[in-house]
Amino acid sequence: MKRVPLTCFLVLWGSVNVECFSRVAPRAISQSGMCLHRSRALAAGVSSSDAADANVTAIFSSSDNEHRTDGGSWKGRIRNSLPRFRAGGDGLDREIMGTALPSMVNLAVVPLVNSVDTFWVGRLGDPLAQAGQGAANQAFFTLYFLVSFLPTITAPLVAKAVGSGNTEAAQARVCESLFLCNVLGAVGTLFLVLMPRAGLRMAIPLTHPGMEYAVPYLRFRALSMIPALLSATGFAAYRGLLNTVTPLKVSLTTNAINLVLDPLFIFKSGLGFVGAALATAIAETTSGLIYLKLLLRRKLVRWSMILKPPSWKALLPLLQGGASMLFRQLALNIGFLVAGRRAQALDISGVSGAAYQIVMQIYSVGVVLQLAMQQTAATLVPATLCEGGDDDARQVADRMYVWGSIVGSFLGTLQYLALPFLVSIFSSDPRVQQAVKAPAAVSSLIQVINGPVFAGEGVMLGLGCYKDLALLTAAGIATMVACLISPLGQRLDGILISLGAFCLLQSIGVVVYHLRYGPLATNRSKPADATCEVPEPS
């Protein structure tokens, strides 16, 4: 328990910095171009015609235009893609980081608080409790991510509607996503609550001792399915408006609730480690209600549209992209389920399962920070395409790849240097601590590989290349599973190496696609896929 004051200090220190950043970020973002002006106008309920009548080229300063004169050559394109560090960043750099940084802080709050969950459960000194917690979370997120493709698609659709000044279309896309999230989320909740073992058998063998821990944990965790999907849709809607500060405040508030409730429910209520799941469910429910209130206030949601099933024509944009994204998510789920199950089956003591849970917890912090780069690309690229055309969208995409690589390299280095400190935090069991070291070091290298992956995925999402992204992901997951069923899958570090093989193939794939085959590739006469058409609400 000596580490508790240090943990609390880190959380409080992070909260102070988040609050300071939330005050500074709007001033940085205010230097952006027309896409952001339109977004703020819509968020305030002002028509796009009343917004500032500026072109998206306001993002690019006059000095940028000098760099863009030879943009048609590869040399010029490479030069344009590099951030302007010596100049303190140009308009595009400020736009990217002004959007990405609040998202990073917002997204990082969740795994950091989940890390606190893992910390408190680890204080119980029972590896099986941590193994059960990890299996329950794996089962929960397997179903959650099958539905969360809807918010993923919602953000670029809202961004396109915003860029085109179509307020009604933005409202329609949000309401359609909320309706489907409620219906599918209810099905997922009932399945996990009524048949938890059926869901858990995907993540842990039925005869594993950790199953008895995982079943009650999953039942409580499942209560947060619908609220989590509501929050994800609300966050996506605000990303489409290029407003990442409001979601940051919501996340900070609701996860503070989880932070306070964790030790109370685990140690004071008699619930034990299951108390962490109940605390998470309460925090997620609070978050979902706050987002619903905000969306109603911003007129992005109407009760009549949430409760009424959308027409087939209205659902078509979501379902067209959704089918490919659902296939992609299924492929991802298969890969990570196989990896988690292999880790749980390595031994029945729970040591390998607990170590894998800790490694993935550490790894997930870096992943969600890079996910902010994906989300930034998924909103900035389509918004810029609608306002400034292919050339400006291509420059934004190129710059996102470079920034993604920089962020990935920084996170990988930081994680590796912090491992000696992090490993000792999450478990007091020396066996678990020793089992974590090698796979955690491998995951640090994967963070570096992930740099261009998330940026490239964001560009493809923003341009609506859902099918191509799904095929790339399926190829990568096939490679990962092949490694997992080989002798590599019989070691914990080998499981992480298998994950690294998937990420490396994905990284090569998104870069080659962007440069040679994508809608913004320069060797195409007129990229037919690069469109900013906004489906009309019906």
Protein backbone atom coordinates (compact mmCIF):
# COMPACT_ATOMS: atom_id res chain seq x y z
CA MET A 1 0.00 0.00 0.00
CA LYS A 2 3.01 2.27 0.08
CA ARG A 3 2.50 2.99 -3.61
CA VAL A 4 -0.97 4.43 -3.13
CA PRO A 5 0.16 8.01 -2.33
CA LEU A 6 2.38 7.98 -5.43
CA THR A 7 -0.51 6.74 -7.59
CA CYS A 8 -2.83 9.41 -6.24
CA PHE A 9 -0.15 12.06 -6.83
CA LEU A 10 0.25 10.99 -10.47
CA VAL A 11 -3.51 11.10 -11.04
CA LEU A 12 -3.83 14.52 -9.43
CA TRP A 13 -0.81 15.82 -11.35
CA GLY A 14 -2.40 14.56 -14.58
CA SER A 15 -5.70 16.23 -13.68
CA VAL A 16 -4.05 19.60 -13.11
CA ASN A 17 -2.20 19.37 -16.42
CA VAL A 18 -5.35 18.29 -18.24
CA GLU A 19 -7.25 21.28 -16.85
CA CYS A 20 -4.43 23.64 -17.83
CA PHE A 21 -4.33 22.14 -21.31
CA SER A 22 -8.09 22.42 -21.70
CA ARG A 23 -7.70 26.17 -21.20
CA VAL A 24 -4.75 26.51 -23.56
CA ALA A 25 -5.94 24.19 -26.35
CA PRO A 26 -8.81 26.37 -27.59
CA ARG A 27 -6.39 29.23 -28.22
CA ALA A 28 -4.18 26.94 -30.30
CA ILE A 29 -7.12 25.53 -32.20
CA SER A 30 -8.54 28.99 -32.87
CA GLN A 31 -5.69 29.58 -35.31
CA SER A 32 -7.11 26.89 -37.61
CA GLY A 33 -8.90 27.31 -40.92
CA MET A 34 -12.40 27.17 -42.27
CA CYS A 35 -13.19 23.57 -41.26
CA LEU A 36 -12.87 24.48 -37.61
CA HIS A 37 -14.87 27.70 -38.03
CA ARG A 38 -17.72 25.70 -39.58
CA SER A 39 -17.53 23.11 -36.80
CA ARG A 40 -17.76 25.70 -34.08
CA ALA A 41 -20.60 27.44 -35.85
CA LEU A 42 -22.55 24.18 -36.03
CA ALA A 43 -21.75 23.34 -32.43
CA ALA A 44 -23.11 26.73 -31.40
CA GLY A 45 -26.23 26.28 -33.53
CA VAL A 46 -25.19 28.88 -36.11
CA SER A 47 -25.73 28.20 -39.82
CA SER A 48 -22.68 27.66 -41.96
CA SER A 49 -23.53 30.69 -44.09
CA ASP A 50 -23.09 32.86 -41.01
CA ALA A 51 -19.68 31.39 -40.28
CA ALA A 52 -16.50 33.04 -41.44
CA ASP A 53 -16.34 32.87 -45.25
CA ALA A 54 -12.78 31.65 -45.42
CA ASN A 55 -11.16 28.90 -47.46
CA VAL A 56 -9.47 25.88 -45.90
CA THR A 57 -6.20 27.26 -47.19
CA ALA A 58 -6.24 29.48 -44.12
CA ILE A 59 -4.80 26.41 -42.44
CA PHE A 60 -1.67 26.87 -44.50
CA SER A 61 0.38 29.99 -43.82
CA SER A 62 2.04 32.02 -46.54
CA SER A 63 5.31 30.30 -45.77
CA ASP A 64 3.60 26.95 -46.47
CA ASN A 65 2.70 28.09 -49.97
CA GLU A 66 6.39 28.58 -50.71
CA HIS A 67 7.03 24.99 -49.74
CA ARG A 68 4.13 23.77 -51.88
CA THR A 69 5.30 25.21 -55.19
CA ASP A 70 7.08 21.99 -56.13
CA GLY A 71 4.53 19.71 -54.43
CA GLY A 72 4.06 17.76 -57.66
CA SER A 73 7.51 16.13 -57.29
CA TRP A 74 8.38 13.49 -54.72
CA LYS A 75 11.07 15.77 -53.32
CA GLY A 76 8.55 18.54 -52.81
CA ARG A 77 5.99 16.16 -51.35
CA ILE A 78 8.48 14.85 -48.81
CA ARG A 79 9.43 18.41 -47.86
CA ASN A 80 5.78 19.37 -47.44
CA SER A 81 5.14 16.38 -45.17
CA LEU A 82 7.75 17.42 -42.61
CA PRO A 83 6.59 19.44 -39.57
CA ARG A 84 7.97 22.98 -39.30
CA PHE A 85 9.73 22.64 -35.95
CA ARG A 86 12.08 25.59 -36.33
CA ALA A 87 9.22 27.91 -37.19
CA GLY A 88 7.25 26.79 -34.15
CA GLY A 89 4.87 24.86 -36.40
CA ASP A 90 2.83 26.16 -39.31
CA GLY A 91 -0.94 26.41 -39.54
CA LEU A 92 -1.28 22.74 -40.48
CA ASP A 93 0.90 21.59 -37.57
CA ARG A 94 -1.18 23.67 -35.18
CA GLU A 95 -4.38 22.25 -36.66
CA ILE A 96 -3.18 18.66 -36.29
CA MET A 97 -1.80 18.97 -32.79
CA GLY A 98 -4.59 21.29 -31.65
CA THR A 99 -7.03 18.50 -32.56
CA ALA A 100 -4.88 15.49 -31.57
CA LEU A 101 -3.54 16.60 -28.18
CA PRO A 102 -6.91 17.02 -26.44
CA SER A 103 -7.98 13.68 -27.95
CA MET A 104 -4.81 12.05 -26.64
CA VAL A 105 -5.42 13.31 -23.12
CA ASN A 106 -9.09 12.37 -23.34
CA LEU A 107 -8.44 8.85 -24.60
CA ALA A 108 -5.53 8.32 -22.21
CA VAL A 109 -7.75 8.94 -19.20
CA VAL A 110 -9.63 5.66 -19.78
CA PRO A 111 -6.66 3.21 -19.87
CA LEU A 112 -4.99 5.11 -17.05
CA VAL A 113 -8.06 4.65 -14.87
CA ASN A 114 -8.30 1.02 -16.04
CA SER A 115 -4.69 0.72 -14.96
CA VAL A 116 -5.83 1.84 -11.53
CA ASP A 117 -8.41 -0.98 -11.66
CA THR A 118 -5.60 -3.42 -12.41
CA PHE A 119 -3.47 -1.86 -9.66
CA TRP A 120 -6.15 -2.32 -6.98
CA VAL A 121 -6.98 -5.87 -8.05
CA GLY A 122 -3.24 -6.59 -8.05
CA ARG A 123 -3.09 -5.45 -4.43
CA LEU A 124 -5.30 -8.42 -3.54
CA GLY A 125 -2.30 -10.64 -4.32
CA ASP A 126 -4.29 -13.24 -6.26
CA PRO A 127 -3.07 -13.89 -9.85
CA LEU A 128 -6.32 -15.72 -10.65
CA ALA A 129 -8.30 -12.56 -9.85
CA GLN A 130 -6.22 -10.61 -12.35
CA ALA A 131 -6.47 -13.40 -14.91
CA GLY A 132 -10.26 -13.47 -14.47
CA GLN A 133 -10.44 -9.70 -14.77
CA GLY A 134 -8.42 -9.82 -17.97
CA ALA A 135 -10.60 -12.56 -19.49
CA ALA A 136 -13.81 -10.69 -18.57
CA ASN A 137 -12.54 -7.47 -20.12
CA GLN A 138 -11.51 -9.38 -23.25
CA ALA A 139 -14.99 -10.89 -23.59
CA PHE A 140 -16.66 -7.51 -22.98
CA PHE A 141 -14.57 -5.64 -25.52
CA THR A 142 -14.97 -8.42 -28.09
CA LEU A 143 -18.70 -7.63 -28.27
CA TYR A 144 -18.25 -3.90 -27.67
CA PHE A 145 -15.91 -3.46 -30.63
CA LEU A 146 -18.27 -5.39 -32.89
CA VAL A 147 -20.78 -2.56 -32.38
CA SER A 148 -18.39 0.37 -31.96
CA PHE A 149 -17.70 0.50 -35.69
CA LEU A 150 -20.78 2.76 -35.79
CA PRO A 151 -19.15 5.64 -33.86
CA THR A 152 -15.98 5.09 -35.90
CA ILE A 153 -17.90 5.77 -39.12
CA THR A 154 -20.01 8.54 -37.56
CA ALA A 155 -17.05 10.91 -37.02
CA PRO A 156 -15.98 11.24 -40.71
CA LEU A 157 -19.64 11.40 -41.83
CA VAL A 158 -20.27 14.29 -39.41
CA ALA A 159 -17.04 15.94 -40.54
CA LYS A 160 -18.16 15.77 -44.18
CA ALA A 161 -21.56 17.20 -43.27
CA VAL A 162 -19.87 20.00 -41.32
CA GLY A 163 -17.47 20.74 -44.17
CA SER A 164 -20.42 20.98 -46.55
CA GLY A 165 -22.48 23.12 -44.15
CA ASN A 166 -25.29 20.54 -43.85
CA THR A 167 -26.51 20.73 -40.25
CA GLU A 168 -29.45 18.38 -40.77
CA ALA A 169 -27.22 15.66 -42.20
CA ALA A 170 -24.89 15.89 -39.19
CA GLN A 171 -27.86 15.54 -36.83
CA ALA A 172 -29.25 12.59 -38.80
CA ARG A 173 -25.96 10.68 -38.76
CA VAL A 174 -25.63 11.05 -34.98
CA CYS A 175 -29.21 9.96 -34.27
CA GLU A 176 -28.95 6.95 -36.58
CA SER A 177 -25.79 5.82 -34.82
CA LEU A 178 -27.39 6.26 -31.38
CA PHE A 179 -30.45 4.22 -32.36
CA LEU A 180 -28.38 1.30 -33.63
CA CYS A 181 -26.01 1.48 -30.63
CA ASN A 182 -28.97 1.24 -28.25
CA VAL A 183 -30.47 -1.77 -30.03
CA LEU A 184 -27.22 -3.70 -30.54
CA GLY A 185 -25.90 -2.68 -27.13
CA ALA A 186 -29.03 -4.07 -25.44
CA VAL A 187 -28.54 -7.40 -27.21
CA GLY A 188 -24.90 -7.54 -26.12
CA THR A 189 -25.75 -6.67 -22.51
CA LEU A 190 -28.39 -9.38 -22.22
CA PHE A 191 -26.05 -11.96 -23.76
CA LEU A 192 -23.19 -11.23 -21.35
CA VAL A 193 -25.39 -10.99 -18.25
CA LEU A 194 -27.50 -14.10 -18.93
CA MET A 195 -24.82 -16.27 -20.56
CA PRO A 196 -21.44 -15.05 -19.31
CA ARG A 197 -19.71 -18.40 -19.75
CA ALA A 198 -20.68 -18.49 -23.41
CA GLY A 199 -18.94 -15.14 -23.88
CA LEU A 200 -15.96 -16.03 -21.69
CA ARG A 201 -15.18 -19.30 -23.45
CA MET A 202 -13.82 -17.15 -26.29
CA ALA A 203 -11.18 -15.71 -23.93
CA ILE A 204 -10.45 -18.45 -21.38
CA PRO A 205 -10.84 -22.26 -21.26
CA LEU A 206 -13.99 -23.34 -19.41
CA THR A 207 -11.94 -25.52 -17.03
CA HIS A 208 -9.49 -22.73 -16.13
CA PRO A 209 -9.64 -21.77 -12.42
CA GLY A 210 -9.88 -18.11 -13.42
CA MET A 211 -13.33 -18.74 -14.92
CA GLU A 212 -14.94 -18.57 -11.46
CA TYR A 213 -13.50 -15.08 -11.06
CA ALA A 214 -14.36 -13.94 -14.57
CA VAL A 215 -18.09 -14.80 -14.49
CA PRO A 216 -19.24 -12.37 -11.74
CA TYR A 217 -16.87 -9.68 -13.01
CA LEU A 218 -18.29 -9.87 -16.54
CA ARG A 219 -21.90 -9.64 -15.33
CA PHE A 220 -21.22 -6.30 -13.67
CA ARG A 221 -18.98 -5.11 -16.52
CA ALA A 222 -21.72 -5.82 -19.08
CA LEU A 223 -23.97 -3.19 -17.48
CA SER A 224 -21.81 -0.50 -19.08
CA MET A 225 -22.27 -1.72 -22.68
CA ILE A 226 -25.01 0.72 -23.75
CA PRO A 227 -23.60 3.72 -21.82
CA ALA A 228 -20.15 3.07 -23.32
CA LEU A 229 -21.60 3.05 -26.84
CA LEU A 230 -23.53 6.27 -26.14
CA SER A 231 -20.30 7.89 -24.95
CA ALA A 232 -18.40 6.66 -28.00
CA THR A 233 -21.04 8.14 -30.32
CA GLY A 234 -21.03 11.44 -28.43
CA PHE A 235 -17.26 11.58 -28.61
CA ALA A 236 -17.38 10.79 -32.35
CA ALA A 237 -19.92 13.57 -32.93
CA TYR A 238 -17.71 16.12 -31.19
CA ARG A 239 -14.68 14.86 -33.13
CA GLY A 240 -16.64 15.47 -36.31
CA LEU A 241 -17.07 19.05 -35.09
CA LEU A 242 -13.31 19.16 -34.38
CA ASN A 243 -14.15 19.86 -30.73
CA THR A 244 -11.99 17.62 -28.56
CA VAL A 245 -11.92 19.77 -25.44
CA THR A 246 -15.53 19.07 -24.37
CA PRO A 247 -15.06 15.26 -24.51
CA LEU A 248 -11.87 15.73 -22.51
CA LYS A 249 -13.79 17.39 -19.68
CA VAL A 250 -16.49 14.71 -19.77
CA SER A 251 -13.93 11.93 -19.63
CA LEU A 252 -11.97 13.56 -16.84
CA THR A 253 -15.10 14.01 -14.73
CA THR A 254 -16.56 10.53 -15.16
CA ASN A 255 -13.29 8.68 -14.78
CA ALA A 256 -12.61 10.60 -11.58
CA ILE A 257 -15.81 8.95 -10.31
CA ASN A 258 -14.37 5.55 -11.21
CA LEU A 259 -11.11 6.46 -9.51
CA VAL A 260 -12.89 7.25 -6.25
CA LEU A 261 -15.30 4.30 -6.32
CA ASP A 262 -12.67 1.62 -7.06
CA PRO A 263 -11.11 1.29 -3.59
CA LEU A 264 -14.47 1.85 -1.89
CA PHE A 265 -16.21 -0.96 -3.76
CA ILE A 266 -13.24 -3.37 -3.72
CA PHE A 267 -12.23 -3.05 -0.07
CA LYS A 268 -15.16 -1.47 1.80
CA SER A 269 -18.30 -2.95 0.24
CA GLY A 270 -17.38 -6.61 0.48
CA LEU A 271 -17.58 -7.05 -3.31
CA GLY A 272 -13.87 -7.72 -3.65
CA PHE A 273 -12.32 -7.44 -7.11
CA VAL A 274 -15.82 -7.40 -8.69
CA GLY A 275 -16.24 -3.92 -7.21
CA ALA A 276 -13.92 -2.59 -9.93
CA ALA A 277 -16.43 -3.68 -12.59
CA LEU A 278 -19.33 -2.02 -10.77
CA ALA A 279 -17.36 1.21 -10.39
CA THR A 280 -16.64 1.20 -14.13
CA ALA A 281 -20.32 0.61 -14.95
CA ILE A 282 -21.41 3.58 -12.82
CA ALA A 283 -18.78 5.85 -14.38
CA GLU A 284 -19.72 4.81 -17.93
CA THR A 285 -23.42 5.38 -17.22
CA THR A 286 -22.65 8.89 -15.97
CA SER A 287 -20.61 9.58 -19.10
CA GLY A 288 -23.38 8.37 -21.42
CA LEU A 289 -25.98 10.59 -19.72
CA ILE A 290 -23.72 13.65 -19.90
CA TYR A 291 -23.08 13.15 -23.61
CA LEU A 292 -26.78 12.71 -24.29
CA LYS A 293 -27.52 15.99 -22.54
CA LEU A 294 -24.76 17.80 -24.45
CA LEU A 295 -25.92 16.47 -27.81
CA LEU A 296 -29.50 17.54 -27.07
CA ARG A 297 -28.29 21.00 -26.09
CA ARG A 298 -26.23 21.33 -29.30
CA LYS A 299 -29.24 20.21 -31.36
CA LEU A 300 -27.30 17.27 -32.75
CA VAL A 301 -29.88 14.91 -31.29
CA ARG A 302 -33.69 14.87 -31.12
CA TRP A 303 -35.65 12.42 -29.00
CA SER A 304 -38.02 11.69 -31.86
CA MET A 305 -35.12 10.63 -34.09
CA ILE A 306 -33.38 8.50 -31.43
CA LEU A 307 -36.52 6.49 -30.65
CA LYS A 308 -37.68 6.12 -34.25
CA PRO A 309 -36.04 3.46 -36.45
CA PRO A 310 -34.24 5.19 -39.35
CA SER A 311 -35.29 4.49 -42.91
CA TRP A 312 -33.26 2.09 -45.05
CA LYS A 313 -32.08 4.99 -47.22
CA ALA A 314 -30.83 6.87 -44.17
CA LEU A 315 -29.03 3.82 -42.80
CA LEU A 316 -27.33 3.00 -46.09
CA PRO A 317 -24.20 5.19 -45.55
CA LEU A 318 -23.65 3.63 -42.12
CA LEU A 319 -24.32 0.09 -43.31
CA GLN A 320 -22.21 0.37 -46.45
CA GLY A 321 -19.16 1.32 -44.44
CA GLY A 322 -20.39 -0.73 -41.50
CA ALA A 323 -20.28 -4.06 -43.30
CA SER A 324 -16.60 -3.63 -44.13
CA MET A 325 -15.80 -2.23 -40.68
CA LEU A 326 -17.70 -5.09 -39.03
CA PHE A 327 -15.64 -7.57 -41.05
CA ARG A 328 -12.49 -5.72 -40.00
CA GLN A 329 -13.49 -5.78 -36.35
CA LEU A 330 -14.32 -9.47 -36.55
CA ALA A 331 -10.83 -10.11 -37.89
CA LEU A 332 -9.27 -8.04 -35.08
CA ASN A 333 -11.38 -9.82 -32.47
CA ILE A 334 -10.33 -13.22 -33.77
CA GLY A 335 -6.65 -12.27 -33.60
CA PHE A 336 -6.78 -10.86 -30.07
CA LEU A 337 -9.05 -13.63 -28.79
CA VAL A 338 -6.61 -16.25 -30.02
CA ALA A 339 -3.74 -14.32 -28.41
CA GLY A 340 -5.55 -13.93 -25.09
CA ARG A 341 -6.66 -17.54 -25.00
CA ARG A 342 -3.13 -18.76 -25.75
CA ALA A 343 -1.81 -16.63 -22.88
CA GLN A 344 -4.45 -17.94 -20.45
CA ALA A 345 -3.72 -21.55 -21.44
CA LEU A 346 0.06 -21.32 -20.89
CA ASP A 347 -0.40 -22.32 -17.23
CA ILE A 348 -3.27 -22.91 -14.79
CA SER A 349 -1.70 -20.89 -11.97
CA GLY A 350 -2.90 -17.65 -13.55
CA VAL A 351 0.62 -16.19 -13.73
CA SER A 352 0.75 -16.04 -17.54
CA GLY A 353 -2.82 -14.75 -17.74
CA ALA A 354 -2.09 -12.04 -15.18
CA ALA A 355 1.17 -11.11 -16.93
CA TYR A 356 -0.59 -10.86 -20.29
CA GLN A 357 -3.28 -8.65 -18.73
CA ILE A 358 -0.61 -6.31 -17.35
CA VAL A 359 1.37 -6.20 -20.61
CA MET A 360 -1.74 -5.35 -22.62
CA GLN A 361 -2.73 -2.74 -20.02
CA ILE A 362 0.62 -1.00 -20.42
CA TYR A 363 0.48 -1.38 -24.20
CA SER A 364 -3.07 -0.02 -24.39
CA VAL A 365 -2.06 3.36 -22.98
CA GLY A 366 0.21 3.96 -25.96
CA VAL A 367 -2.36 2.52 -28.36
CA VAL A 368 -5.10 4.93 -27.33
CA LEU A 369 -2.71 7.86 -27.63
CA GLN A 370 -1.99 6.78 -31.19
CA LEU A 371 -5.69 6.21 -31.71
CA ALA A 372 -6.03 9.98 -31.27
CA MET A 373 -3.85 10.40 -34.36
CA GLN A 374 -6.15 8.01 -36.24
CA GLN A 375 -9.22 9.98 -35.20
CA THR A 376 -7.57 13.29 -36.09
CA ALA A 377 -6.76 12.05 -39.59
CA ALA A 378 -10.28 10.61 -39.97
CA THR A 379 -11.81 14.06 -39.36
CA LEU A 380 -9.24 16.51 -40.78
CA VAL A 381 -8.72 14.74 -44.12
CA PRO A 382 -12.39 14.59 -45.21
CA ALA A 383 -13.09 18.09 -43.89
CA THR A 384 -10.09 19.46 -45.80
CA LEU A 385 -11.10 17.52 -48.91
CA CYS A 386 -14.53 19.15 -48.90
CA GLU A 387 -13.12 22.63 -48.36
CA GLY A 388 -9.83 22.67 -50.29
CA GLY A 389 -9.79 19.70 -52.66
CA ASP A 390 -7.42 16.80 -53.29
CA ASP A 391 -4.11 18.67 -53.03
CA ASP A 392 -4.79 20.13 -49.60
CA ALA A 393 -6.23 16.82 -48.35
CA ARG A 394 -3.11 15.02 -49.61
CA GLN A 395 -0.84 17.41 -47.73
CA VAL A 396 -2.83 16.89 -44.53
CA ALA A 397 -2.63 13.11 -45.00
CA ASP A 398 1.13 13.17 -45.67
CA ARG A 399 1.74 15.33 -42.60
CA MET A 400 -0.40 12.97 -40.49
CA TYR A 401 1.85 10.05 -41.46
CA VAL A 402 4.92 11.93 -40.28
CA TRP A 403 3.32 13.11 -37.05
CA GLY A 404 2.06 9.57 -36.41
CA SER A 405 5.57 8.18 -36.81
CA ILE A 406 6.97 10.80 -34.44
CA VAL A 407 4.35 10.05 -31.80
CA GLY A 408 4.86 6.28 -32.15
CA SER A 409 8.64 6.56 -31.73
CA PHE A 410 8.24 8.79 -28.69
CA LEU A 411 5.74 6.47 -27.02
CA GLY A 412 7.79 3.35 -27.69
CA THR A 413 10.92 4.92 -26.19
CA LEU A 414 9.02 6.28 -23.20
CA GLN A 415 7.34 2.94 -22.48
CA TYR A 416 10.63 1.04 -22.64
CA LEU A 417 12.34 3.44 -20.25
CA ALA A 418 9.40 3.33 -17.83
CA LEU A 419 9.08 -0.49 -17.73
CA PRO A 420 11.20 -1.06 -14.58
CA PHE A 421 8.86 1.27 -12.70
CA LEU A 422 5.61 0.08 -14.30
CA VAL A 423 6.15 -3.66 -13.86
CA SER A 424 6.41 -3.39 -10.08
CA ILE A 425 3.23 -1.31 -9.83
CA PHE A 426 0.71 -3.75 -11.25
CA SER A 427 1.52 -6.89 -9.25
CA SER A 428 3.17 -7.74 -5.97
CA ASP A 429 3.79 -11.33 -7.12
CA PRO A 430 7.47 -11.81 -8.16
CA ARG A 431 6.47 -14.55 -10.62
CA VAL A 432 4.12 -12.22 -12.45
CA GLN A 433 6.66 -9.38 -12.43
CA GLN A 434 9.28 -11.62 -14.03
CA ALA A 435 6.82 -12.91 -16.65
CA VAL A 436 5.92 -9.35 -17.70
CA LYS A 437 9.41 -8.07 -18.53
CA ALA A 438 10.20 -9.66 -21.94
CA PRO A 439 6.77 -9.28 -23.59
CA ALA A 440 6.48 -5.71 -22.29
CA ALA A 441 9.80 -4.85 -23.97
CA VAL A 442 8.49 -6.30 -27.26
CA SER A 443 5.34 -4.19 -26.94
CA SER A 444 7.53 -1.07 -26.72
CA LEU A 445 8.90 -1.81 -30.19
CA ILE A 446 5.36 -2.38 -31.47
CA GLN A 447 4.47 1.17 -30.38
CA VAL A 448 7.09 2.46 -32.83
CA ILE A 449 5.74 0.28 -35.65
CA ASN A 450 2.22 1.51 -34.90
CA GLY A 451 3.10 5.15 -35.70
CA PRO A 452 2.23 5.10 -39.41
CA VAL A 453 -0.43 2.38 -38.88
CA PHE A 454 -2.90 4.54 -36.96
CA ALA A 455 -2.30 7.61 -39.10
CA GLY A 456 -2.84 5.58 -42.25
CA GLU A 457 -5.96 3.91 -40.92
CA GLY A 458 -7.35 7.33 -40.05
CA VAL A 459 -6.71 8.61 -43.57
CA MET A 460 -8.45 5.58 -45.07
CA LEU A 461 -11.41 5.96 -42.71
CA GLY A 462 -11.71 9.64 -43.55
CA LEU A 463 -11.74 8.88 -47.28
CA GLY A 464 -14.28 6.08 -46.88
CA CYS A 465 -11.89 3.29 -47.93
CA TYR A 466 -13.53 0.85 -45.55
CA LYS A 467 -13.33 -2.24 -47.75
CA ASP A 468 -9.64 -1.81 -48.54
CA LEU A 469 -8.83 -1.21 -44.86
CA ALA A 470 -10.77 -4.34 -43.90
CA LEU A 471 -8.82 -6.43 -46.41
CA LEU A 472 -5.49 -5.06 -45.16
CA THR A 473 -6.47 -5.84 -41.59
CA ALA A 474 -7.62 -9.36 -42.48
CA ALA A 475 -4.27 -10.09 -44.15
CA GLY A 476 -2.42 -8.84 -41.07
CA ILE A 477 -4.57 -10.85 -38.67
CA ALA A 478 -4.05 -13.98 -40.77
CA THR A 479 -0.31 -13.48 -40.33
CA MET A 480 -0.76 -12.97 -36.59
CA VAL A 481 -2.84 -16.11 -36.14
CA ALA A 482 -0.35 -18.14 -38.19
CA CYS A 483 2.38 -17.02 -35.81
CA LEU A 484 0.22 -17.78 -32.76
CA ILE A 485 -0.43 -21.39 -33.79
CA SER A 486 3.29 -21.87 -34.46
CA PRO A 487 5.82 -22.49 -31.65
CA LEU A 488 5.89 -18.70 -31.13
CA GLY A 489 2.44 -18.93 -29.55
CA GLN A 490 3.77 -21.18 -26.79
CA ARG A 491 5.66 -18.32 -25.14
CA LEU A 492 4.32 -15.06 -23.75
CA ASP A 493 6.94 -12.98 -25.58
CA GLY A 494 6.16 -14.99 -28.73
CA ILE A 495 2.52 -13.93 -28.48
CA LEU A 496 3.64 -10.29 -28.51
CA ILE A 497 6.01 -10.98 -31.42
CA SER A 498 2.98 -12.34 -33.31
CA LEU A 499 1.18 -9.08 -32.60
CA GLY A 500 4.23 -7.22 -33.88
CA ALA A 501 4.09 -9.18 -37.16
CA PHE A 502 0.49 -8.04 -37.66
CA CYS A 503 1.37 -4.41 -36.95
CA LEU A 504 4.40 -4.47 -39.27
CA LEU A 505 2.38 -5.85 -42.17
CA GLN A 506 -0.36 -3.30 -41.48
CA SER A 507 2.18 -0.47 -41.43
CA ILE A 508 3.64 -1.45 -44.81
CA GLY A 509 0.16 -1.92 -46.25
CA VAL A 510 -1.29 1.49 -45.32
CA VAL A 511 1.81 3.36 -46.56
CA VAL A 512 1.89 1.56 -49.92
CA TYR A 513 -1.86 2.03 -50.34
CA HIS A 514 -1.64 5.75 -49.62
CA LEU A 515 1.23 6.33 -52.04
CA ARG A 516 0.21 4.03 -54.89
CA TYR A 517 -3.44 2.99 -54.82
CA GLY A 518 -5.49 5.26 -52.52
CA PRO A 519 -7.85 8.10 -53.53
CA LEU A 520 -5.09 10.66 -52.91
CA ALA A 521 -2.34 8.79 -54.78
CA THR A 522 -0.66 11.12 -57.29
CA ASN A 523 -0.46 8.47 -60.02
CA ARG A 524 -4.25 8.54 -60.44
CA SER A 525 -5.79 10.96 -62.88
CA LYS A 526 -8.94 11.61 -60.87
CA PRO A 527 -9.47 9.68 -57.64
CA ALA A 528 -13.10 8.68 -57.90
CA ASP A 529 -13.19 7.52 -54.27
CA ALA A 530 -12.15 10.91 -52.89
CA THR A 531 -15.52 12.57 -52.47
CA CYS A 532 -17.13 14.85 -49.95
CA GLU A 533 -20.70 14.02 -50.91
CA VAL A 534 -22.98 14.11 -47.87
CA PRO A 535 -26.03 11.83 -47.84
CA GLU A 536 -29.22 13.79 -47.31
CA PRO A 537 -31.29 12.94 -44.24
CA SER A 538 -34.62 11.31 -44.93
